[in-house]
Amino acid sequence: MDKDKNFSVTIEMEYINTLSEYEKVIYELAKNHLATSFDLEKSVGFLDFCKEKNSENTK
């Protein structure tokens, strides 16, 4: 189970590193204001990032 959590954290950090400065500010606002209601793994941008990553890996 730790392995899955580590992978999840790694992919989240990879996604966050692709964000522009503006997007990072918005991400921090969402995280702070929505608190537990915000889930990065369910965000549209993160889901699109994962789909793109999967398509790259299957080529």
Protein backbone atom coordinates (compact mmCIF):
# COMPACT_ATOMS: atom_id res chain seq x y z
CA MET A 1 0.00 0.00 0.00
CA ASP A 2 2.90 2.37 0.72
CA LYS A 3 4.12 1.83 -2.82
CA ASP A 4 0.80 3.08 -4.25
CA LYS A 5 0.84 6.14 -2.00
CA ASN A 6 4.43 6.94 -3.00
CA PHE A 7 3.51 6.64 -6.69
CA SER A 8 0.50 8.90 -6.13
CA VAL A 9 2.61 11.55 -4.40
CA THR A 10 5.25 11.32 -7.14
CA ILE A 11 2.75 11.76 -9.98
CA GLU A 12 1.07 14.65 -8.13
CA MET A 13 4.41 16.42 -7.70
CA GLU A 14 5.23 15.81 -11.35
CA TYR A 15 1.88 17.36 -12.32
CA ILE A 16 2.36 20.37 -10.02
CA ASN A 17 5.80 20.98 -11.55
CA THR A 18 4.16 21.32 -14.99
CA LEU A 19 1.87 24.13 -13.82
CA SER A 20 2.52 27.75 -14.72
CA GLU A 21 3.07 30.23 -11.88
CA TYR A 22 -0.53 31.43 -12.29
CA GLU A 23 -1.86 27.86 -12.13
CA LYS A 24 0.21 27.19 -9.01
CA VAL A 25 -1.35 30.23 -7.31
CA ILE A 26 -4.83 28.97 -8.25
CA TYR A 27 -3.92 25.48 -7.02
CA GLU A 28 -2.79 26.87 -3.65
CA LEU A 29 -5.96 28.98 -3.37
CA ALA A 30 -8.14 25.96 -4.06
CA LYS A 31 -6.20 23.83 -1.60
CA ASN A 32 -6.41 26.47 1.15
CA HIS A 33 -9.99 27.64 0.65
CA LEU A 34 -11.60 24.31 -0.14
CA ALA A 35 -9.46 22.35 2.33
CA THR A 36 -10.75 18.79 2.57
CA SER A 37 -13.24 19.36 -0.26
CA PHE A 38 -10.38 19.76 -2.74
CA ASP A 39 -8.91 16.60 -4.22
CA LEU A 40 -6.14 17.09 -6.76
CA GLU A 41 -6.57 13.54 -8.06
CA LYS A 42 -10.15 14.38 -9.10
CA SER A 43 -9.33 17.71 -10.77
CA VAL A 44 -9.82 17.97 -14.52
CA GLY A 45 -6.26 19.13 -15.13
CA PHE A 46 -4.74 16.25 -13.17
CA LEU A 47 -6.98 13.68 -14.87
CA ASP A 48 -6.00 15.06 -18.30
CA PHE A 49 -2.34 14.95 -17.28
CA CYS A 50 -2.69 11.29 -16.27
CA LYS A 51 -4.45 10.38 -19.54
CA GLU A 52 -1.69 12.06 -21.53
CA LYS A 53 0.97 10.32 -19.44
CA ASN A 54 -0.70 6.94 -20.00
CA SER A 55 -0.93 7.49 -23.75
CA GLU A 56 2.79 8.37 -23.84
CA ASN A 57 3.63 5.18 -21.94
CA THR A 58 1.59 2.96 -24.26
CA LYS A 59 3.35 4.18 -27.43
